[in-house]
Amino acid sequence: MRHTPVLTILLPLLAVFSDLTAHASGPFLPRRWNERKALNNLLDFGSLRGRSGVPEVTYEMRSPDGLVKRANGDGLDTNLDGTKFIWLPEDTYQGRTFFEGMVKYVSRDRAFSQNYTYFEDDGTVVMRSDMVSTLPLGEYRESVRIETNKNYTGGLFILDLKRAPWGCAIWPAFWTTNANWPTDGEIDILEGVHDNEHNQVTWHTLPGCYYDANQRFSGTPVVTPVNGTIDCDSNANENSGCGITEWSRASYGPFFESQGGGVLAMKWDENGIAVWSFFRAAIPRDVVDGAPNPSLWGPPSAVLGNTRCNITQYFRQHVIVFDITFCGVWAGNSYATTDCPGTCPERLMDPKNFENATWHINYLKTFRKQPVYAIASSATSSLPWWLHSPLSAIGAALLLAPLFYLSLS
């Protein structure tokens, strides 16, 4: 009889057991090498634990900048097709680095020299208008508009504010758009005029994009839907777009400010574009921890779904914009319908009227969408112990090798 060397049996066994354990012992990276290498650079998957027979899955994900995110089974977001993903940090605009990625206003030098933009000792970024000059009737008041150097097509955008501008004749906005407007769309995340107490979220597009009013959201359509939809066409209804008014009084204006401000979040991916707002005491824990998961936040204030609008077709390559405008198409045309005194041009003359025309920003953070290819099994898996880890597989192979040797002797 021919005697087969032990290693001839052992090596194939090790290969088989190692491959099995890669699929059976918890999170694993895809087998395709290019995907595996990319994810390896991005994520480091962690452990499995169980309590009282109930499995608890814990992912530990480390991005290159050192972020660590831990989440239980509800910690991953889910696409409409059931695939999982997470939001990983991309850019942070905060403190003295806030303006390094943001460039357009009166002129950079003048904005800083006139204290239209500055930083407070605690790192708060302040942007405001001219609050000093008394103007003759008909002269425009100086203000600021800044935008990011970088363009975004999708992402999760989180803005933490202490104050946003408000008051008679004042029209602030935090929004995203492209120079190729309206071809590449516009998303108004925070916008209001005068002493409004409710934020208005609006989309402006080319013809063919409609807001599906049958989706779950907490706001109220600005116009009555027709056949369950609102036309977002910028050429229709005097460019009013498809707007949703938030229900909360704490989403804009003096009451928002009196609550200590809060957070606005906009999620933009192929599934839709959704906006949430939270006053200070209601900010979700995952946002505070720097590991946001919109799937845990409940219905958004407004959501433009992909059911009646092709998101990837109508929204592309946006910059993020902050501005403070006075009068204009919205605030100017609506001025006579308010309790504000005089006319809008007269209001512009006195600088004391614009003490509330100021942004106080803690930070603006953007996150990118990262698919998760990991599959985790529970710690109480029915798999035998010898398939639970590569080391266990090696031990099993060593124990079984003599049996194979004897049977082949």
Protein backbone atom coordinates (compact mmCIF):
# COMPACT_ATOMS: atom_id res chain seq x y z
CA MET A 1 0.00 0.00 0.00
CA ARG A 2 1.04 3.55 -0.74
CA HIS A 3 1.37 5.75 2.37
CA THR A 4 0.06 9.29 1.84
CA PRO A 5 2.08 11.93 3.71
CA VAL A 6 0.17 13.71 6.44
CA LEU A 7 0.82 17.14 4.89
CA THR A 8 -0.78 16.03 1.65
CA ILE A 9 -4.03 15.56 3.60
CA LEU A 10 -3.54 18.43 6.03
CA LEU A 11 -3.05 21.25 3.53
CA PRO A 12 -6.30 20.70 1.60
CA LEU A 13 -8.14 20.40 4.92
CA LEU A 14 -6.73 23.68 6.11
CA ALA A 15 -7.78 25.35 2.89
CA VAL A 16 -11.31 23.99 3.14
CA PHE A 17 -11.75 24.88 6.80
CA SER A 18 -10.25 28.33 6.36
CA ASP A 19 -12.63 29.08 3.50
CA LEU A 20 -15.61 27.82 5.51
CA THR A 21 -14.75 29.89 8.55
CA ALA A 22 -14.39 33.00 6.41
CA HIS A 23 -18.08 32.61 5.59
CA ALA A 24 -19.30 31.25 8.92
CA SER A 25 -17.62 33.14 11.71
CA GLY A 26 -19.14 36.57 11.39
CA PRO A 27 -18.37 39.67 9.34
CA PHE A 28 -16.29 39.08 6.25
CA LEU A 29 -15.14 41.12 3.29
CA PRO A 30 -16.08 40.30 -0.32
CA ARG A 31 -14.00 37.65 -2.05
CA ARG A 32 -13.26 39.88 -5.04
CA TRP A 33 -9.79 41.24 -4.33
CA ASN A 34 -10.33 44.80 -5.53
CA GLU A 35 -13.46 45.22 -3.37
CA ARG A 36 -11.74 43.48 -0.50
CA LYS A 37 -8.76 45.81 -0.66
CA ALA A 38 -10.93 48.94 -0.84
CA LEU A 39 -13.08 47.93 2.12
CA ASN A 40 -10.05 46.77 4.09
CA ASN A 41 -8.67 50.30 3.85
CA LEU A 42 -11.99 51.70 5.00
CA LEU A 43 -13.53 49.42 7.61
CA ASP A 44 -12.36 47.24 10.44
CA PHE A 45 -15.13 44.90 11.50
CA GLY A 46 -15.44 43.86 15.10
CA SER A 47 -17.05 41.36 17.40
CA LEU A 48 -20.09 39.22 18.04
CA ARG A 49 -21.77 38.98 21.42
CA GLY A 50 -24.89 37.32 22.81
CA ARG A 51 -26.94 37.84 25.96
CA SER A 52 -29.26 35.25 27.46
CA GLY A 53 -29.41 33.38 24.21
CA VAL A 54 -30.37 36.50 22.21
CA PRO A 55 -27.69 37.41 19.69
CA GLU A 56 -26.35 40.96 19.70
CA VAL A 57 -24.25 42.00 16.73
CA THR A 58 -21.67 44.73 17.21
CA TYR A 59 -19.83 46.33 14.32
CA GLU A 60 -16.72 48.36 15.03
CA MET A 61 -15.94 50.50 12.01
CA ARG A 62 -12.84 52.62 11.80
CA SER A 63 -12.51 55.17 9.02
CA PRO A 64 -9.07 56.54 8.05
CA ASP A 65 -9.59 59.58 10.29
CA GLY A 66 -10.08 57.40 13.36
CA LEU A 67 -13.86 57.51 13.69
CA VAL A 68 -15.24 54.54 15.56
CA LYS A 69 -18.89 53.65 15.13
CA ARG A 70 -20.65 50.92 17.06
CA ALA A 71 -24.20 49.94 16.31
CA ASN A 72 -26.53 47.10 17.16
CA GLY A 73 -28.70 45.35 14.63
CA ASP A 74 -30.58 48.62 13.96
CA GLY A 75 -27.40 50.60 13.38
CA LEU A 76 -27.23 50.05 9.62
CA ASP A 77 -29.34 51.93 7.12
CA THR A 78 -31.22 50.03 4.42
CA ASN A 79 -31.82 50.73 0.74
CA LEU A 80 -35.18 50.04 -0.89
CA ASP A 81 -33.76 46.79 -2.30
CA GLY A 82 -32.80 45.59 1.20
CA THR A 83 -29.03 46.12 0.91
CA LYS A 84 -27.26 47.71 3.89
CA PHE A 85 -25.09 50.81 4.13
CA ILE A 86 -23.65 53.31 6.59
CA TRP A 87 -22.77 57.00 6.44
CA LEU A 88 -19.06 57.73 6.85
CA PRO A 89 -17.58 61.21 7.49
CA GLU A 90 -16.48 63.11 4.40
CA ASP A 91 -16.01 66.82 5.18
CA THR A 92 -16.29 69.01 8.27
CA TYR A 93 -16.65 72.80 8.14
CA GLN A 94 -16.14 74.06 11.67
CA GLY A 95 -14.42 76.82 13.64
CA ARG A 96 -11.49 78.54 11.95
CA THR A 97 -11.44 76.01 9.11
CA PHE A 98 -15.06 76.82 8.16
CA PHE A 99 -14.19 79.29 5.42
CA GLU A 100 -11.32 77.33 3.93
CA GLY A 101 -13.76 75.50 1.68
CA MET A 102 -16.23 78.36 1.20
CA VAL A 103 -15.47 81.34 -0.95
CA LYS A 104 -18.11 83.65 -2.39
CA TYR A 105 -19.37 86.69 -0.55
CA VAL A 106 -19.18 90.48 -0.77
CA SER A 107 -15.48 89.90 -1.19
CA ARG A 108 -13.53 87.80 1.22
CA ASP A 109 -11.35 90.66 2.44
CA ARG A 110 -14.26 93.01 2.94
CA ALA A 111 -16.36 90.38 4.72
CA PHE A 112 -13.62 89.86 7.31
CA SER A 113 -12.58 93.51 7.58
CA GLN A 114 -16.17 94.59 8.23
CA ASN A 115 -16.81 91.74 10.66
CA TYR A 116 -19.47 90.22 8.42
CA THR A 117 -17.71 86.92 9.08
CA TYR A 118 -15.73 86.02 12.18
CA PHE A 119 -15.20 83.39 14.87
CA GLU A 120 -16.20 83.50 18.51
CA ASP A 121 -13.96 82.17 21.27
CA ASP A 122 -15.89 78.89 21.50
CA GLY A 123 -15.39 78.22 17.77
CA THR A 124 -18.83 79.41 16.66
CA VAL A 125 -18.78 80.69 13.08
CA VAL A 126 -20.68 83.95 12.63
CA MET A 127 -21.94 85.32 9.31
CA ARG A 128 -24.03 88.47 9.21
CA SER A 129 -24.94 91.54 7.19
CA ASP A 130 -23.99 95.18 7.58
CA MET A 131 -25.44 96.20 10.96
CA VAL A 132 -23.76 99.60 11.11
CA SER A 133 -24.51 101.69 8.02
CA THR A 134 -27.54 103.95 7.77
CA LEU A 135 -28.58 103.89 4.13
CA PRO A 136 -30.48 106.29 1.91
CA LEU A 137 -33.74 104.99 0.46
CA GLY A 138 -33.11 102.66 -2.46
CA GLU A 139 -29.52 101.69 -1.56
CA TYR A 140 -28.78 98.00 -1.02
CA ARG A 141 -27.43 96.73 2.30
CA GLU A 142 -24.26 94.66 2.16
CA SER A 143 -24.54 91.01 3.10
CA VAL A 144 -22.84 87.65 2.63
CA ARG A 145 -23.20 84.61 0.43
CA ILE A 146 -20.72 81.76 0.78
CA GLU A 147 -20.52 78.41 -0.96
CA THR A 148 -18.31 75.35 -0.88
CA ASN A 149 -15.48 74.86 -3.33
CA LYS A 150 -16.43 71.21 -3.46
CA ASN A 151 -19.39 69.77 -5.37
CA TYR A 152 -21.57 66.97 -4.02
CA THR A 153 -23.83 64.48 -5.77
CA GLY A 154 -25.56 62.88 -2.82
CA GLY A 155 -24.58 62.50 0.80
CA LEU A 156 -25.78 63.16 4.31
CA PHE A 157 -25.47 66.81 5.34
CA ILE A 158 -25.79 67.84 8.99
CA LEU A 159 -25.83 71.48 10.09
CA ASP A 160 -25.70 72.45 13.78
CA LEU A 161 -26.92 76.01 14.35
CA LYS A 162 -27.21 78.29 17.34
CA ARG A 163 -29.00 80.97 15.37
CA ALA A 164 -30.35 81.51 11.85
CA PRO A 165 -31.31 84.91 10.41
CA TRP A 166 -34.89 86.11 10.78
CA GLY A 167 -36.89 89.34 10.88
CA CYS A 168 -38.83 91.73 8.67
CA ALA A 169 -37.36 92.01 5.12
CA ILE A 170 -34.83 89.25 5.88
CA TRP A 171 -34.65 86.18 3.62
CA PRO A 172 -31.96 83.64 4.63
CA ALA A 173 -31.32 80.26 3.09
CA PHE A 174 -29.16 77.18 3.58
CA TRP A 175 -29.35 75.34 0.26
CA THR A 176 -27.56 73.38 -2.45
CA THR A 177 -27.47 74.02 -6.19
CA ASN A 178 -25.32 74.03 -9.33
CA ALA A 179 -24.25 76.84 -11.64
CA ASN A 180 -26.14 74.94 -14.35
CA TRP A 181 -29.48 75.94 -12.81
CA PRO A 182 -32.15 74.64 -13.01
CA THR A 183 -30.82 71.73 -15.08
CA ASP A 184 -29.02 70.19 -12.11
CA GLY A 185 -31.64 71.16 -9.53
CA GLU A 186 -31.85 73.12 -6.29
CA ILE A 187 -32.56 71.91 -2.75
CA ASP A 188 -33.62 74.50 -0.15
CA ILE A 189 -32.97 72.89 3.24
CA LEU A 190 -33.65 75.91 5.46
CA GLU A 191 -35.47 78.94 4.11
CA GLY A 192 -37.87 81.53 5.43
CA VAL A 193 -38.80 85.20 5.42
CA HIS A 194 -39.75 87.88 7.94
CA ASP A 195 -40.90 86.54 11.33
CA ASN A 196 -42.01 83.13 10.07
CA GLU A 197 -41.83 80.38 12.65
CA HIS A 198 -41.85 77.39 10.30
CA ASN A 199 -39.03 76.37 7.98
CA GLN A 200 -39.86 75.72 4.33
CA VAL A 201 -38.12 72.92 2.42
CA THR A 202 -38.30 73.25 -1.38
CA TRP A 203 -37.01 71.60 -4.56
CA HIS A 204 -36.64 73.35 -7.94
CA THR A 205 -36.01 71.30 -11.11
CA LEU A 206 -36.49 71.02 -14.84
CA PRO A 207 -39.93 69.77 -16.01
CA GLY A 208 -40.74 66.14 -15.20
CA CYS A 209 -39.96 65.92 -11.48
CA TYR A 210 -42.92 65.67 -9.11
CA TYR A 211 -43.25 65.50 -5.33
CA ASP A 212 -45.19 62.39 -4.31
CA ALA A 213 -47.50 63.61 -1.54
CA ASN A 214 -48.46 60.04 -0.62
CA GLN A 215 -45.14 59.37 1.10
CA ARG A 216 -44.59 59.51 4.86
CA PHE A 217 -43.51 62.97 6.00
CA SER A 218 -44.55 65.30 8.80
CA GLY A 219 -44.71 68.63 6.97
CA THR A 220 -47.52 70.30 5.04
CA PRO A 221 -47.45 70.98 1.28
CA VAL A 222 -47.31 74.69 0.46
CA VAL A 223 -49.77 74.14 -2.42
CA THR A 224 -52.55 71.56 -2.66
CA PRO A 225 -51.31 68.45 -4.47
CA VAL A 226 -52.96 67.62 -7.81
CA ASN A 227 -53.57 63.90 -8.26
CA GLY A 228 -51.31 63.30 -5.27
CA THR A 229 -48.32 65.22 -6.67
CA ILE A 230 -46.72 68.68 -6.66
CA ASP A 231 -44.85 69.94 -9.71
CA CYS A 232 -41.22 70.87 -8.93
CA ASP A 233 -40.70 72.55 -12.33
CA SER A 234 -38.94 75.89 -11.83
CA ASN A 235 -40.83 77.29 -14.83
CA ALA A 236 -44.22 76.59 -13.24
CA ASN A 237 -46.05 78.64 -10.60
CA GLU A 238 -43.52 81.50 -10.70
CA ASN A 239 -40.66 79.21 -9.65
CA SER A 240 -42.34 78.24 -6.39
CA GLY A 241 -41.07 74.66 -6.82
CA CYS A 242 -42.45 71.87 -4.66
CA GLY A 243 -42.38 73.19 -1.12
CA ILE A 244 -43.17 71.65 2.25
CA THR A 245 -43.69 73.68 5.44
CA GLU A 246 -42.41 72.09 8.63
CA TRP A 247 -44.94 71.58 11.41
CA SER A 248 -42.67 72.61 14.28
CA ARG A 249 -42.49 76.21 15.48
CA ALA A 250 -38.95 75.41 16.55
CA SER A 251 -37.76 74.95 12.96
CA TYR A 252 -37.25 78.64 12.07
CA GLY A 253 -37.26 82.12 13.50
CA PRO A 254 -37.33 83.47 17.06
CA PHE A 255 -38.64 80.29 18.68
CA PHE A 256 -35.91 78.19 17.03
CA GLU A 257 -33.37 80.63 18.42
CA SER A 258 -34.91 80.69 21.92
CA GLN A 259 -34.58 76.89 22.09
CA GLY A 260 -30.82 77.17 21.57
CA GLY A 261 -31.04 76.43 17.88
CA GLY A 262 -30.73 72.87 16.69
CA VAL A 263 -29.79 70.58 13.83
CA LEU A 264 -30.95 70.30 10.24
CA ALA A 265 -30.15 67.16 8.29
CA MET A 266 -30.54 66.38 4.60
CA LYS A 267 -30.13 62.85 3.22
CA TRP A 268 -29.63 62.65 -0.54
CA ASP A 269 -29.17 59.37 -2.37
CA GLU A 270 -30.74 57.44 -5.25
CA ASN A 271 -33.76 56.61 -3.09
CA GLY A 272 -34.76 60.23 -2.51
CA ILE A 273 -33.93 63.51 -0.79
CA ALA A 274 -35.22 63.89 2.77
CA VAL A 275 -34.92 66.70 5.33
CA TRP A 276 -35.24 66.54 9.12
CA SER A 277 -34.94 69.30 11.72
CA PHE A 278 -34.42 68.91 15.48
CA PHE A 279 -34.46 71.65 18.09
CA ARG A 280 -31.62 71.49 20.60
CA ALA A 281 -33.23 69.20 23.18
CA ALA A 282 -34.39 66.71 20.53
CA ILE A 283 -31.15 66.08 18.62
CA PRO A 284 -30.74 62.29 18.16
CA ARG A 285 -28.00 60.58 20.13
CA ASP A 286 -26.40 59.12 17.01
CA VAL A 287 -25.96 62.64 15.58
CA VAL A 288 -24.34 63.84 18.81
CA ASP A 289 -22.01 60.81 18.72
CA GLY A 290 -20.95 61.56 15.14
CA ALA A 291 -22.42 58.32 13.77
CA PRO A 292 -25.72 59.46 12.19
CA ASN A 293 -28.32 56.92 11.08
CA PRO A 294 -31.41 58.54 9.51
CA SER A 295 -33.33 55.25 9.63
CA LEU A 296 -33.70 55.83 13.39
CA TRP A 297 -35.09 59.38 13.16
CA GLY A 298 -38.70 58.72 12.22
CA PRO A 299 -40.51 60.35 9.28
CA PRO A 300 -38.71 63.34 7.76
CA SER A 301 -40.23 66.80 7.60
CA ALA A 302 -40.18 66.51 3.81
CA VAL A 303 -39.03 63.89 1.31
CA LEU A 304 -38.75 63.98 -2.46
CA GLY A 305 -38.86 60.28 -3.28
CA ASN A 306 -37.84 58.54 -6.48
CA THR A 307 -41.42 57.36 -7.08
CA ARG A 308 -42.30 60.41 -9.21
CA CYS A 309 -38.87 61.99 -9.72
CA ASN A 310 -35.64 60.48 -11.06
CA ILE A 311 -33.27 61.78 -8.38
CA THR A 312 -30.05 60.97 -10.24
CA GLN A 313 -31.34 62.73 -13.36
CA TYR A 314 -32.54 65.97 -11.76
CA PHE A 315 -29.91 66.58 -9.05
CA ARG A 316 -26.16 66.60 -9.71
CA GLN A 317 -22.92 68.25 -8.60
CA HIS A 318 -24.23 70.73 -6.03
CA VAL A 319 -22.33 73.25 -3.95
CA ILE A 320 -23.57 74.06 -0.44
CA VAL A 321 -24.67 77.69 0.00
CA PHE A 322 -25.40 80.02 2.92
CA ASP A 323 -26.79 83.48 2.23
CA ILE A 324 -28.70 86.39 3.75
CA THR A 325 -30.88 88.26 1.26
CA PHE A 326 -33.11 91.29 1.83
CA CYS A 327 -36.47 91.93 0.19
CA GLY A 328 -36.16 90.21 -3.21
CA VAL A 329 -38.75 88.04 -4.94
CA TRP A 330 -40.04 86.31 -1.80
CA ALA A 331 -39.45 88.71 1.09
CA GLY A 332 -40.13 91.78 -1.04
CA ASN A 333 -43.31 90.55 -2.70
CA SER A 334 -44.75 89.21 0.56
CA TYR A 335 -43.82 92.22 2.71
CA ALA A 336 -47.21 93.94 2.37
CA THR A 337 -48.99 90.82 3.65
CA THR A 338 -47.12 90.87 6.97
CA ASP A 339 -47.31 92.99 10.12
CA CYS A 340 -43.91 94.50 9.30
CA PRO A 341 -43.89 98.34 9.32
CA GLY A 342 -43.54 100.54 6.23
CA THR A 343 -42.20 99.10 3.00
CA CYS A 344 -39.36 96.67 2.36
CA PRO A 345 -37.01 99.33 0.86
CA GLU A 346 -37.69 101.60 3.86
CA ARG A 347 -36.86 98.74 6.21
CA LEU A 348 -33.39 98.45 4.67
CA MET A 349 -32.37 101.96 5.72
CA ASP A 350 -31.93 101.44 9.49
CA PRO A 351 -29.13 99.03 10.57
CA LYS A 352 -30.92 98.33 13.87
CA ASN A 353 -33.50 96.37 11.89
CA PHE A 354 -30.92 93.69 11.10
CA GLU A 355 -29.56 92.69 14.48
CA ASN A 356 -31.11 89.25 13.93
CA ALA A 357 -29.76 88.87 10.40
CA THR A 358 -26.99 86.53 11.51
CA TRP A 359 -25.89 82.93 11.24
CA HIS A 360 -24.25 81.33 14.30
CA ILE A 361 -22.95 77.93 13.19
CA ASN A 362 -21.41 75.22 15.34
CA TYR A 363 -20.54 72.99 12.39
CA LEU A 364 -21.52 71.65 9.00
CA LYS A 365 -20.61 68.00 8.39
CA THR A 366 -21.02 65.88 5.30
CA PHE A 367 -21.07 62.08 5.17
CA ARG A 368 -20.72 59.73 2.21
CA LYS A 369 -22.76 56.61 1.66
CA GLN A 370 -20.76 53.39 2.08
CA PRO A 371 -22.27 49.98 1.25
CA VAL A 372 -21.71 47.32 3.91
CA TYR A 373 -20.86 43.90 2.56
CA ALA A 374 -20.50 42.29 5.98
CA ILE A 375 -22.69 39.44 7.17
CA ALA A 376 -22.67 38.72 10.89
CA SER A 377 -23.93 35.55 12.52
CA SER A 378 -24.91 35.36 16.18
CA ALA A 379 -22.69 34.17 18.98
CA THR A 380 -25.20 31.37 19.61
CA SER A 381 -24.76 30.05 16.07
CA SER A 382 -25.70 26.43 15.49
CA LEU A 383 -22.40 25.88 13.69
CA PRO A 384 -20.05 23.47 15.50
CA TRP A 385 -17.29 25.01 17.54
CA TRP A 386 -14.63 23.88 15.11
CA LEU A 387 -16.05 26.19 12.41
CA HIS A 388 -16.17 29.31 14.57
CA SER A 389 -12.68 30.63 13.82
CA PRO A 390 -9.62 29.96 11.66
CA LEU A 391 -7.65 28.80 14.71
CA SER A 392 -10.39 26.32 15.59
CA ALA A 393 -10.34 25.04 12.02
CA ILE A 394 -6.59 24.53 12.12
CA GLY A 395 -6.90 22.64 15.40
CA ALA A 396 -9.63 20.44 13.96
CA ALA A 397 -7.54 19.77 10.88
CA LEU A 398 -4.59 18.69 13.01
CA LEU A 399 -6.80 16.33 15.02
CA LEU A 400 -8.40 14.80 11.95
CA ALA A 401 -5.24 14.42 9.88
CA PRO A 402 -4.02 11.18 11.61
CA LEU A 403 -7.42 9.57 11.00
CA PHE A 404 -7.16 10.29 7.30
CA TYR A 405 -3.59 8.98 7.32
CA LEU A 406 -4.61 5.71 8.99
CA SER A 407 -7.56 5.16 6.68
CA LEU A 408 -5.35 5.56 3.65
CA SER A 409 -2.53 3.35 4.98
